[in-house]
Amino acid sequence: MPRVRSVGRAGGLAYRAAGEADDRVAVLVHGYPESSYMWQGVMPQLAGAGWRALAPDLPGYGDSEPDPPGTWERHVDALARFVRELELGPVVLVTHDWGVMIGLRWACDDPAAVRALVISDGGFFADRRWHDLANAMRTPGVGEELIGSYTREGFFAAMREVCAAMSDEALAEYWKGFADDVRRRGHLELYRSGDFEKLVPYEGRLAALEVPALIVWGGQDRFASVKMAHRFHDELAQSELAVFEDAGHFVWDEEPERAAAALVEFLNRRLP
């Protein structure tokens, strides 16, 4: 599969791109602790199907410089700047993990900017609870000790425990987010800003977008239960559900060809 490399900067963010279309644009927002590299298996297939795929590195991840503080709100603003600077029309928004929280908040704040949604392995519900790792990062003292303890070897091992499919190259790209103390502190700032009650004003607004949606999920996700996939499917009238039963949280790494094929088929059928 052709490699997609970082090609430029917009809105202060480094980004990868594939494809040339002006009127069929997909913006792909990565999760934690990844970068735009996670979309390597998806972007060439989107380009081959006639789409322009753009994947930014969020501030402090991949090749993007930190933009402290690394809060949820700061990342939403960064995504908005990215889309605005590139003067993109309504886009297909493809999201994973924290990218769901960031991307869907942006979409609800700017509903005219989105023509379809792809949601994978992340929540957008005010009554959600954080998993154990997130709770540790949100706890003063405990989070600092945890984030400061990561070594390259330890990070590689920890990620492979939850996703054996990740290559050394992928993990080296994701390790960039731990390169210095400012970037590491941004991880804590992100999780500590992630108070789910902030989503109360957004209840019902995602469904009100009334756009086609594809929900892609790993059936064995230990961080975002597949129950959330079904909840999205129930709440979004124009949604379709694709669950890869043997995959975990990092479904795009574990099932890149099948997940990308499901995405392309969905877009070609719903947005011809």
C-alpha atoms as a PDB file:
ATOM      1  CA  MET A   1       0.000   0.000   0.000  1.00  0.00           C
ATOM      2  CA  PRO A   2       1.435   3.456  -0.889  1.00  0.00           C
ATOM      3  CA  ARG A   3       2.887   5.332   2.067  1.00  0.00           C
ATOM      4  CA  VAL A   4       1.322   8.682   2.940  1.00  0.00           C
ATOM      5  CA  ARG A   5       3.800  11.146   4.388  1.00  0.00           C
ATOM      6  CA  SER A   6       3.423  14.473   6.127  1.00  0.00           C
ATOM      7  CA  VAL A   7       3.012  17.036   3.372  1.00  0.00           C
ATOM      8  CA  GLY A   8       2.455  20.409   4.971  1.00  0.00           C
ATOM      9  CA  ARG A   9       1.064  22.583   7.715  1.00  0.00           C
ATOM     10  CA  ALA A  10      -2.227  24.405   8.113  1.00  0.00           C
ATOM     11  CA  GLY A  11      -3.694  26.136  11.135  1.00  0.00           C
ATOM     12  CA  GLY A  12      -0.454  25.413  12.975  1.00  0.00           C
ATOM     13  CA  LEU A  13      -0.805  21.648  12.449  1.00  0.00           C
ATOM     14  CA  ALA A  14       1.270  19.223  10.434  1.00  0.00           C
ATOM     15  CA  TYR A  15      -0.862  16.988   8.253  1.00  0.00           C
ATOM     16  CA  ARG A  16      -0.850  14.102   5.802  1.00  0.00           C
ATOM     17  CA  ALA A  17      -2.784  14.192   2.560  1.00  0.00           C
ATOM     18  CA  ALA A  18      -3.807  11.864  -0.243  1.00  0.00           C
ATOM     19  CA  GLY A  19      -5.991  12.499  -3.271  1.00  0.00           C
ATOM     20  CA  GLU A  20      -6.777  15.631  -5.270  1.00  0.00           C
ATOM     21  CA  ALA A  21     -10.558  16.117  -5.155  1.00  0.00           C
ATOM     22  CA  ASP A  22     -11.879  19.531  -4.113  1.00  0.00           C
ATOM     23  CA  ASP A  23     -15.511  18.615  -3.571  1.00  0.00           C
ATOM     24  CA  ARG A  24     -15.095  15.207  -1.887  1.00  0.00           C
ATOM     25  CA  VAL A  25     -12.974  15.818   1.194  1.00  0.00           C
ATOM     26  CA  ALA A  26     -12.532  13.686   4.296  1.00  0.00           C
ATOM     27  CA  VAL A  27     -10.834  15.003   7.449  1.00  0.00           C
ATOM     28  CA  LEU A  28      -9.495  12.237   9.685  1.00  0.00           C
ATOM     29  CA  VAL A  29      -8.923  12.989  13.384  1.00  0.00           C
ATOM     30  CA  HIS A  30      -6.695  10.587  15.300  1.00  0.00           C
ATOM     31  CA  GLY A  31      -7.039   9.364  18.855  1.00  0.00           C
ATOM     32  CA  TYR A  32      -4.747   9.045  21.871  1.00  0.00           C
ATOM     33  CA  PRO A  33      -1.819   8.428  22.004  1.00  0.00           C
ATOM     34  CA  GLU A  34      -1.576   8.245  18.232  1.00  0.00           C
ATOM     35  CA  SER A  35      -1.031  10.690  15.377  1.00  0.00           C
ATOM     36  CA  SER A  36      -2.113  11.059  11.764  1.00  0.00           C
ATOM     37  CA  TYR A  37       0.039   8.014  11.017  1.00  0.00           C
ATOM     38  CA  MET A  38      -2.831   5.826  12.247  1.00  0.00           C
ATOM     39  CA  TRP A  39      -4.677   6.570   8.988  1.00  0.00           C
ATOM     40  CA  GLN A  40      -1.924   5.119   6.753  1.00  0.00           C
ATOM     41  CA  GLY A  41      -4.104   2.162   5.815  1.00  0.00           C
ATOM     42  CA  VAL A  42      -7.147   4.310   5.045  1.00  0.00           C
ATOM     43  CA  MET A  43      -5.971   7.344   3.106  1.00  0.00           C
ATOM     44  CA  PRO A  44      -4.723   5.602  -0.065  1.00  0.00           C
ATOM     45  CA  GLN A  45      -8.037   3.760  -0.359  1.00  0.00           C
ATOM     46  CA  LEU A  46      -9.962   7.009   0.039  1.00  0.00           C
ATOM     47  CA  ALA A  47      -7.796   8.657  -2.615  1.00  0.00           C
ATOM     48  CA  GLY A  48      -8.290   5.693  -4.931  1.00  0.00           C
ATOM     49  CA  ALA A  49     -12.046   6.085  -4.571  1.00  0.00           C
ATOM     50  CA  GLY A  50     -11.925   9.736  -5.611  1.00  0.00           C
ATOM     51  CA  TRP A  51     -11.675  11.422  -2.227  1.00  0.00           C
ATOM     52  CA  ARG A  52      -9.172  13.913  -0.861  1.00  0.00           C
ATOM     53  CA  ALA A  53      -8.087  12.671   2.571  1.00  0.00           C
ATOM     54  CA  LEU A  54      -6.526  15.091   5.073  1.00  0.00           C
ATOM     55  CA  ALA A  55      -5.245  13.925   8.449  1.00  0.00           C
ATOM     56  CA  PRO A  56      -3.802  16.497  10.882  1.00  0.00           C
ATOM     57  CA  ASP A  57      -1.537  15.777  13.821  1.00  0.00           C
ATOM     58  CA  LEU A  58      -3.257  17.328  16.826  1.00  0.00           C
ATOM     59  CA  PRO A  59      -1.117  19.809  18.834  1.00  0.00           C
ATOM     60  CA  GLY A  60       1.748  18.036  20.595  1.00  0.00           C
ATOM     61  CA  TYR A  61       1.353  14.775  18.659  1.00  0.00           C
ATOM     62  CA  GLY A  62       3.188  13.513  15.597  1.00  0.00           C
ATOM     63  CA  ASP A  63       4.918  16.399  13.831  1.00  0.00           C
ATOM     64  CA  SER A  64       2.735  19.178  15.299  1.00  0.00           C
ATOM     65  CA  GLU A  65       4.232  21.434  17.926  1.00  0.00           C
ATOM     66  CA  PRO A  66       2.510  21.675  21.312  1.00  0.00           C
ATOM     67  CA  ASP A  67       0.096  24.580  21.818  1.00  0.00           C
ATOM     68  CA  PRO A  68      -0.357  24.699  25.607  1.00  0.00           C
ATOM     69  CA  PRO A  69      -2.535  24.086  27.413  1.00  0.00           C
ATOM     70  CA  GLY A  70      -3.354  20.761  25.757  1.00  0.00           C
ATOM     71  CA  THR A  71      -7.026  20.835  26.732  1.00  0.00           C
ATOM     72  CA  TRP A  72     -10.023  19.376  24.950  1.00  0.00           C
ATOM     73  CA  GLU A  73     -11.177  22.884  24.016  1.00  0.00           C
ATOM     74  CA  ARG A  74      -7.743  23.779  22.660  1.00  0.00           C
ATOM     75  CA  HIS A  75      -7.813  20.758  20.355  1.00  0.00           C
ATOM     76  CA  VAL A  76     -11.307  21.640  19.105  1.00  0.00           C
ATOM     77  CA  ASP A  77     -10.054  25.136  18.276  1.00  0.00           C
ATOM     78  CA  ALA A  78      -7.017  23.654  16.478  1.00  0.00           C
ATOM     79  CA  LEU A  79      -9.240  21.463  14.298  1.00  0.00           C
ATOM     80  CA  ALA A  80     -11.432  24.455  13.456  1.00  0.00           C
ATOM     81  CA  ARG A  81      -8.370  26.499  12.434  1.00  0.00           C
ATOM     82  CA  PHE A  82      -7.103  23.651  10.288  1.00  0.00           C
ATOM     83  CA  VAL A  83     -10.345  23.358   8.325  1.00  0.00           C
ATOM     84  CA  ARG A  84     -10.729  27.119   8.064  1.00  0.00           C
ATOM     85  CA  GLU A  85      -7.193  27.768   6.782  1.00  0.00           C
ATOM     86  CA  LEU A  86      -7.535  25.116   4.068  1.00  0.00           C
ATOM     87  CA  GLU A  87     -10.907  26.632   3.104  1.00  0.00           C
ATOM     88  CA  LEU A  88     -12.604  23.260   3.051  1.00  0.00           C
ATOM     89  CA  GLY A  89     -16.254  22.945   2.163  1.00  0.00           C
ATOM     90  CA  PRO A  90     -18.506  20.496   4.027  1.00  0.00           C
ATOM     91  CA  VAL A  91     -16.338  17.487   4.864  1.00  0.00           C
ATOM     92  CA  VAL A  92     -16.704  13.885   5.870  1.00  0.00           C
ATOM     93  CA  LEU A  93     -15.426  13.799   9.449  1.00  0.00           C
ATOM     94  CA  VAL A  94     -13.668  10.537  10.365  1.00  0.00           C
ATOM     95  CA  THR A  95     -12.869  10.136  14.076  1.00  0.00           C
ATOM     96  CA  HIS A  96     -11.323   7.687  16.525  1.00  0.00           C
ATOM     97  CA  ASP A  97     -10.980   7.640  20.335  1.00  0.00           C
ATOM     98  CA  TRP A  98     -10.266  11.205  21.570  1.00  0.00           C
ATOM     99  CA  GLY A  99     -10.789  12.305  17.976  1.00  0.00           C
ATOM    100  CA  VAL A 100     -14.465  11.490  18.538  1.00  0.00           C
ATOM    101  CA  MET A 101     -14.702  13.857  21.509  1.00  0.00           C
ATOM    102  CA  ILE A 102     -12.796  16.568  19.639  1.00  0.00           C
ATOM    103  CA  GLY A 103     -14.305  16.126  16.201  1.00  0.00           C
ATOM    104  CA  LEU A 104     -17.938  15.744  17.198  1.00  0.00           C
ATOM    105  CA  ARG A 105     -17.772  18.776  19.467  1.00  0.00           C
ATOM    106  CA  TRP A 106     -16.431  20.792  16.529  1.00  0.00           C
ATOM    107  CA  ALA A 107     -19.118  19.375  14.224  1.00  0.00           C
ATOM    108  CA  CYS A 108     -21.900  20.323  16.625  1.00  0.00           C
ATOM    109  CA  ASP A 109     -20.466  23.829  16.984  1.00  0.00           C
ATOM    110  CA  ASP A 110     -20.250  24.232  13.187  1.00  0.00           C
ATOM    111  CA  PRO A 111     -22.958  21.980  11.724  1.00  0.00           C
ATOM    112  CA  ALA A 112     -22.700  23.393   8.199  1.00  0.00           C
ATOM    113  CA  ALA A 113     -19.099  22.165   7.991  1.00  0.00           C
ATOM    114  CA  VAL A 114     -19.964  18.442   8.011  1.00  0.00           C
ATOM    115  CA  ARG A 115     -21.693  16.312   5.383  1.00  0.00           C
ATOM    116  CA  ALA A 116     -21.154  12.870   6.970  1.00  0.00           C
ATOM    117  CA  LEU A 117     -19.687  11.317  10.125  1.00  0.00           C
ATOM    118  CA  VAL A 118     -17.534   8.282  10.823  1.00  0.00           C
ATOM    119  CA  ILE A 119     -17.302   7.449  14.529  1.00  0.00           C
ATOM    120  CA  SER A 120     -15.022   4.776  15.968  1.00  0.00           C
ATOM    121  CA  ASP A 121     -14.184   3.614  19.484  1.00  0.00           C
ATOM    122  CA  GLY A 122     -14.912   6.791  21.390  1.00  0.00           C
ATOM    123  CA  GLY A 123     -17.850   8.332  23.237  1.00  0.00           C
ATOM    124  CA  PHE A 124     -19.804  11.563  23.130  1.00  0.00           C
ATOM    125  CA  PHE A 125     -22.167  11.017  26.026  1.00  0.00           C
ATOM    126  CA  ALA A 126     -22.563  13.160  29.141  1.00  0.00           C
ATOM    127  CA  ASP A 127     -23.261  10.113  31.324  1.00  0.00           C
ATOM    128  CA  ARG A 128     -20.132   8.216  30.295  1.00  0.00           C
ATOM    129  CA  ARG A 129     -17.446   7.165  32.815  1.00  0.00           C
ATOM    130  CA  TRP A 130     -13.698   7.145  32.277  1.00  0.00           C
ATOM    131  CA  HIS A 131     -11.713   3.901  32.157  1.00  0.00           C
ATOM    132  CA  ASP A 132      -8.996   3.105  34.735  1.00  0.00           C
ATOM    133  CA  LEU A 133      -6.035   4.499  32.784  1.00  0.00           C
ATOM    134  CA  ALA A 134      -7.831   7.781  32.181  1.00  0.00           C
ATOM    135  CA  ASN A 135      -8.771   8.038  35.848  1.00  0.00           C
ATOM    136  CA  ALA A 136      -5.112   7.603  36.784  1.00  0.00           C
ATOM    137  CA  MET A 137      -4.105  10.411  34.411  1.00  0.00           C
ATOM    138  CA  ARG A 138      -6.837  12.646  35.802  1.00  0.00           C
ATOM    139  CA  THR A 139      -5.604  12.163  39.390  1.00  0.00           C
ATOM    140  CA  PRO A 140      -3.080  14.802  40.594  1.00  0.00           C
ATOM    141  CA  GLY A 141       0.271  13.246  41.437  1.00  0.00           C
ATOM    142  CA  VAL A 142      -0.658   9.839  40.078  1.00  0.00           C
ATOM    143  CA  GLY A 143      -0.905  11.182  36.538  1.00  0.00           C
ATOM    144  CA  GLU A 144       2.420  13.006  36.767  1.00  0.00           C
ATOM    145  CA  GLU A 145       4.158   9.886  37.997  1.00  0.00           C
ATOM    146  CA  LEU A 146       2.586   7.757  35.279  1.00  0.00           C
ATOM    147  CA  ILE A 147       3.261  10.053  32.347  1.00  0.00           C
ATOM    148  CA  GLY A 148       6.798  10.740  33.537  1.00  0.00           C
ATOM    149  CA  SER A 149       7.624   7.055  33.846  1.00  0.00           C
ATOM    150  CA  TYR A 150       7.211   6.137  30.183  1.00  0.00           C
ATOM    151  CA  THR A 151      10.321   5.021  28.336  1.00  0.00           C
ATOM    152  CA  ARG A 152      10.387   4.194  24.637  1.00  0.00           C
ATOM    153  CA  GLU A 153      10.716   0.483  25.395  1.00  0.00           C
ATOM    154  CA  GLY A 154       7.970   0.594  28.016  1.00  0.00           C
ATOM    155  CA  PHE A 155       5.647   2.511  25.700  1.00  0.00           C
ATOM    156  CA  PHE A 156       6.175   0.047  22.860  1.00  0.00           C
ATOM    157  CA  ALA A 157       5.450  -2.869  25.209  1.00  0.00           C
ATOM    158  CA  ALA A 158       2.350  -1.257  26.720  1.00  0.00           C
ATOM    159  CA  MET A 159       0.867  -0.457  23.308  1.00  0.00           C
ATOM    160  CA  ARG A 160       1.530  -3.951  22.016  1.00  0.00           C
ATOM    161  CA  GLU A 161      -0.354  -5.384  24.994  1.00  0.00           C
ATOM    162  CA  VAL A 162      -3.519  -3.746  23.696  1.00  0.00           C
ATOM    163  CA  CYS A 163      -2.733  -3.915  19.965  1.00  0.00           C
ATOM    164  CA  ALA A 164      -0.235  -6.511  18.790  1.00  0.00           C
ATOM    165  CA  ALA A 165      -0.738  -5.346  15.190  1.00  0.00           C
ATOM    166  CA  MET A 166       1.104  -2.051  15.690  1.00  0.00           C
ATOM    167  CA  SER A 167       4.398  -1.949  13.796  1.00  0.00           C
ATOM    168  CA  ASP A 168       7.667  -0.513  15.079  1.00  0.00           C
ATOM    169  CA  GLU A 169       7.254   2.328  12.594  1.00  0.00           C
ATOM    170  CA  ALA A 170       3.781   3.166  13.897  1.00  0.00           C
ATOM    171  CA  LEU A 171       4.923   3.104  17.518  1.00  0.00           C
ATOM    172  CA  ALA A 172       7.927   5.296  16.694  1.00  0.00           C
ATOM    173  CA  GLU A 173       5.523   7.841  15.218  1.00  0.00           C
ATOM    174  CA  TYR A 174       3.268   7.720  18.276  1.00  0.00           C
ATOM    175  CA  TRP A 175       6.264   8.032  20.619  1.00  0.00           C
ATOM    176  CA  LYS A 176       6.805  11.549  19.229  1.00  0.00           C
ATOM    177  CA  GLY A 177       3.985  12.655  21.549  1.00  0.00           C
ATOM    178  CA  PHE A 178       6.235  11.847  24.526  1.00  0.00           C
ATOM    179  CA  ALA A 179       9.302  13.705  23.238  1.00  0.00           C
ATOM    180  CA  ASP A 180       9.472  16.354  25.975  1.00  0.00           C
ATOM    181  CA  ASP A 181       7.869  17.497  29.204  1.00  0.00           C
ATOM    182  CA  VAL A 182       5.571  19.996  27.475  1.00  0.00           C
ATOM    183  CA  ARG A 183       4.081  17.271  25.285  1.00  0.00           C
ATOM    184  CA  ARG A 184       3.702  14.880  28.215  1.00  0.00           C
ATOM    185  CA  ARG A 185       2.021  17.532  30.330  1.00  0.00           C
ATOM    186  CA  GLY A 186      -0.386  18.072  27.445  1.00  0.00           C
ATOM    187  CA  HIS A 187      -1.599  14.494  27.853  1.00  0.00           C
ATOM    188  CA  LEU A 188      -2.613  15.239  31.439  1.00  0.00           C
ATOM    189  CA  GLU A 189      -4.194  18.536  30.424  1.00  0.00           C
ATOM    190  CA  LEU A 190      -6.259  16.718  27.803  1.00  0.00           C
ATOM    191  CA  TYR A 191      -7.618  14.085  30.155  1.00  0.00           C
ATOM    192  CA  ARG A 192      -8.135  16.502  33.037  1.00  0.00           C
ATOM    193  CA  SER A 193     -10.202  18.772  30.801  1.00  0.00           C
ATOM    194  CA  GLY A 194     -12.361  15.811  29.774  1.00  0.00           C
ATOM    195  CA  ASP A 195     -15.276  16.364  32.122  1.00  0.00           C
ATOM    196  CA  PHE A 196     -18.260  14.642  30.584  1.00  0.00           C
ATOM    197  CA  GLU A 197     -20.729  17.141  32.027  1.00  0.00           C
ATOM    198  CA  LYS A 198     -19.416  19.539  29.368  1.00  0.00           C
ATOM    199  CA  LEU A 199     -21.437  17.435  26.921  1.00  0.00           C
ATOM    200  CA  VAL A 200     -24.777  18.167  28.572  1.00  0.00           C
ATOM    201  CA  PRO A 201     -25.377  21.202  26.286  1.00  0.00           C
ATOM    202  CA  TYR A 202     -24.633  18.953  23.297  1.00  0.00           C
ATOM    203  CA  GLU A 203     -27.318  16.369  24.028  1.00  0.00           C
ATOM    204  CA  GLY A 204     -29.437  15.890  20.925  1.00  0.00           C
ATOM    205  CA  ARG A 205     -27.247  18.111  18.766  1.00  0.00           C
ATOM    206  CA  LEU A 206     -25.387  15.266  17.086  1.00  0.00           C
ATOM    207  CA  ALA A 207     -28.643  13.688  15.912  1.00  0.00           C
ATOM    208  CA  ALA A 208     -29.823  17.133  14.812  1.00  0.00           C
ATOM    209  CA  LEU A 209     -27.024  17.255  12.232  1.00  0.00           C
ATOM    210  CA  GLU A 210     -29.092  14.743  10.220  1.00  0.00           C
ATOM    211  CA  VAL A 211     -26.156  13.521   8.140  1.00  0.00           C
ATOM    212  CA  PRO A 212     -25.195   9.975   7.132  1.00  0.00           C
ATOM    213  CA  ALA A 213     -23.025   8.277   9.741  1.00  0.00           C
ATOM    214  CA  LEU A 214     -20.913   5.138   9.803  1.00  0.00           C
ATOM    215  CA  ILE A 215     -20.032   3.652  13.191  1.00  0.00           C
ATOM    216  CA  VAL A 216     -16.901   1.470  13.103  1.00  0.00           C
ATOM    217  CA  TRP A 217     -15.961  -0.459  16.241  1.00  0.00           C
ATOM    218  CA  GLY A 218     -13.791  -3.194  17.623  1.00  0.00           C
ATOM    219  CA  GLY A 219     -15.953  -5.819  19.287  1.00  0.00           C
ATOM    220  CA  GLN A 220     -13.291  -6.460  21.961  1.00  0.00           C
ATOM    221  CA  ASP A 221     -12.652  -2.802  22.835  1.00  0.00           C
ATOM    222  CA  ARG A 222     -11.502  -2.606  26.472  1.00  0.00           C
ATOM    223  CA  PHE A 223     -11.590   1.199  26.654  1.00  0.00           C
ATOM    224  CA  ALA A 224     -14.820   2.106  24.853  1.00  0.00           C
ATOM    225  CA  SER A 225     -17.361  -0.689  25.072  1.00  0.00           C
ATOM    226  CA  VAL A 226     -19.126  -1.809  21.925  1.00  0.00           C
ATOM    227  CA  LYS A 227     -22.326  -0.864  23.759  1.00  0.00           C
ATOM    228  CA  MET A 228     -21.470   2.724  22.830  1.00  0.00           C
ATOM    229  CA  ALA A 229     -21.428   1.772  19.154  1.00  0.00           C
ATOM    230  CA  HIS A 230     -24.976   0.490  19.447  1.00  0.00           C
ATOM    231  CA  ARG A 231     -25.990   3.611  21.356  1.00  0.00           C
ATOM    232  CA  PHE A 232     -24.688   5.842  18.554  1.00  0.00           C
ATOM    233  CA  HIS A 233     -26.517   3.644  16.063  1.00  0.00           C
ATOM    234  CA  ASP A 234     -29.761   3.983  17.996  1.00  0.00           C
ATOM    235  CA  GLU A 235     -29.465   7.755  18.363  1.00  0.00           C
ATOM    236  CA  LEU A 236     -28.421   8.633  14.803  1.00  0.00           C
ATOM    237  CA  ALA A 237     -31.262   7.984  12.389  1.00  0.00           C
ATOM    238  CA  GLN A 238     -29.088   7.847   9.263  1.00  0.00           C
ATOM    239  CA  SER A 239     -26.371   5.653  10.760  1.00  0.00           C
ATOM    240  CA  GLU A 240     -24.922   2.280   9.810  1.00  0.00           C
ATOM    241  CA  LEU A 241     -22.930  -0.011  12.086  1.00  0.00           C
ATOM    242  CA  ALA A 242     -19.803  -2.043  11.298  1.00  0.00           C
ATOM    243  CA  VAL A 243     -18.439  -4.053  14.243  1.00  0.00           C
ATOM    244  CA  PHE A 244     -15.266  -6.085  13.748  1.00  0.00           C
ATOM    245  CA  GLU A 245     -15.813  -8.723  16.383  1.00  0.00           C
ATOM    246  CA  ASP A 246     -12.204  -9.835  16.880  1.00  0.00           C
ATOM    247  CA  ALA A 247     -10.671  -6.345  16.932  1.00  0.00           C
ATOM    248  CA  GLY A 248      -9.954  -4.271  20.011  1.00  0.00           C
ATOM    249  CA  HIS A 249      -9.828  -0.528  20.590  1.00  0.00           C
ATOM    250  CA  PHE A 250      -7.365   0.242  17.786  1.00  0.00           C
ATOM    251  CA  VAL A 251      -9.592  -1.119  15.054  1.00  0.00           C
ATOM    252  CA  TRP A 252      -7.935   0.851  12.226  1.00  0.00           C
ATOM    253  CA  ASP A 253      -4.569  -0.691  13.111  1.00  0.00           C
ATOM    254  CA  GLU A 254      -5.947  -4.209  13.555  1.00  0.00           C
ATOM    255  CA  GLU A 255      -8.304  -4.284  10.571  1.00  0.00           C
ATOM    256  CA  PRO A 256      -6.963  -1.592   8.204  1.00  0.00           C
ATOM    257  CA  GLU A 257      -8.074  -3.175   4.935  1.00  0.00           C
ATOM    258  CA  ARG A 258     -11.542  -4.256   6.099  1.00  0.00           C
ATOM    259  CA  ALA A 259     -12.238  -1.032   7.981  1.00  0.00           C
ATOM    260  CA  ALA A 260     -11.069   1.109   5.060  1.00  0.00           C
ATOM    261  CA  ALA A 261     -13.144  -0.956   2.636  1.00  0.00           C
ATOM    262  CA  ALA A 262     -16.221  -0.477   4.823  1.00  0.00           C
ATOM    263  CA  LEU A 263     -15.587   3.274   4.891  1.00  0.00           C
ATOM    264  CA  VAL A 264     -15.120   3.577   1.129  1.00  0.00           C
ATOM    265  CA  GLU A 265     -18.186   1.446   0.392  1.00  0.00           C
ATOM    266  CA  PHE A 266     -20.273   3.577   2.760  1.00  0.00           C
ATOM    267  CA  LEU A 267     -19.139   6.850   1.188  1.00  0.00           C
ATOM    268  CA  ASN A 268     -19.586   5.662  -2.378  1.00  0.00           C
ATOM    269  CA  ARG A 269     -23.102   4.495  -1.609  1.00  0.00           C
ATOM    270  CA  ARG A 270     -24.297   7.344   0.599  1.00  0.00           C
ATOM    271  CA  LEU A 271     -22.384  10.225  -1.011  1.00  0.00           C
ATOM    272  CA  PRO A 272     -21.982   9.216  -4.681  1.00  0.00           C
END
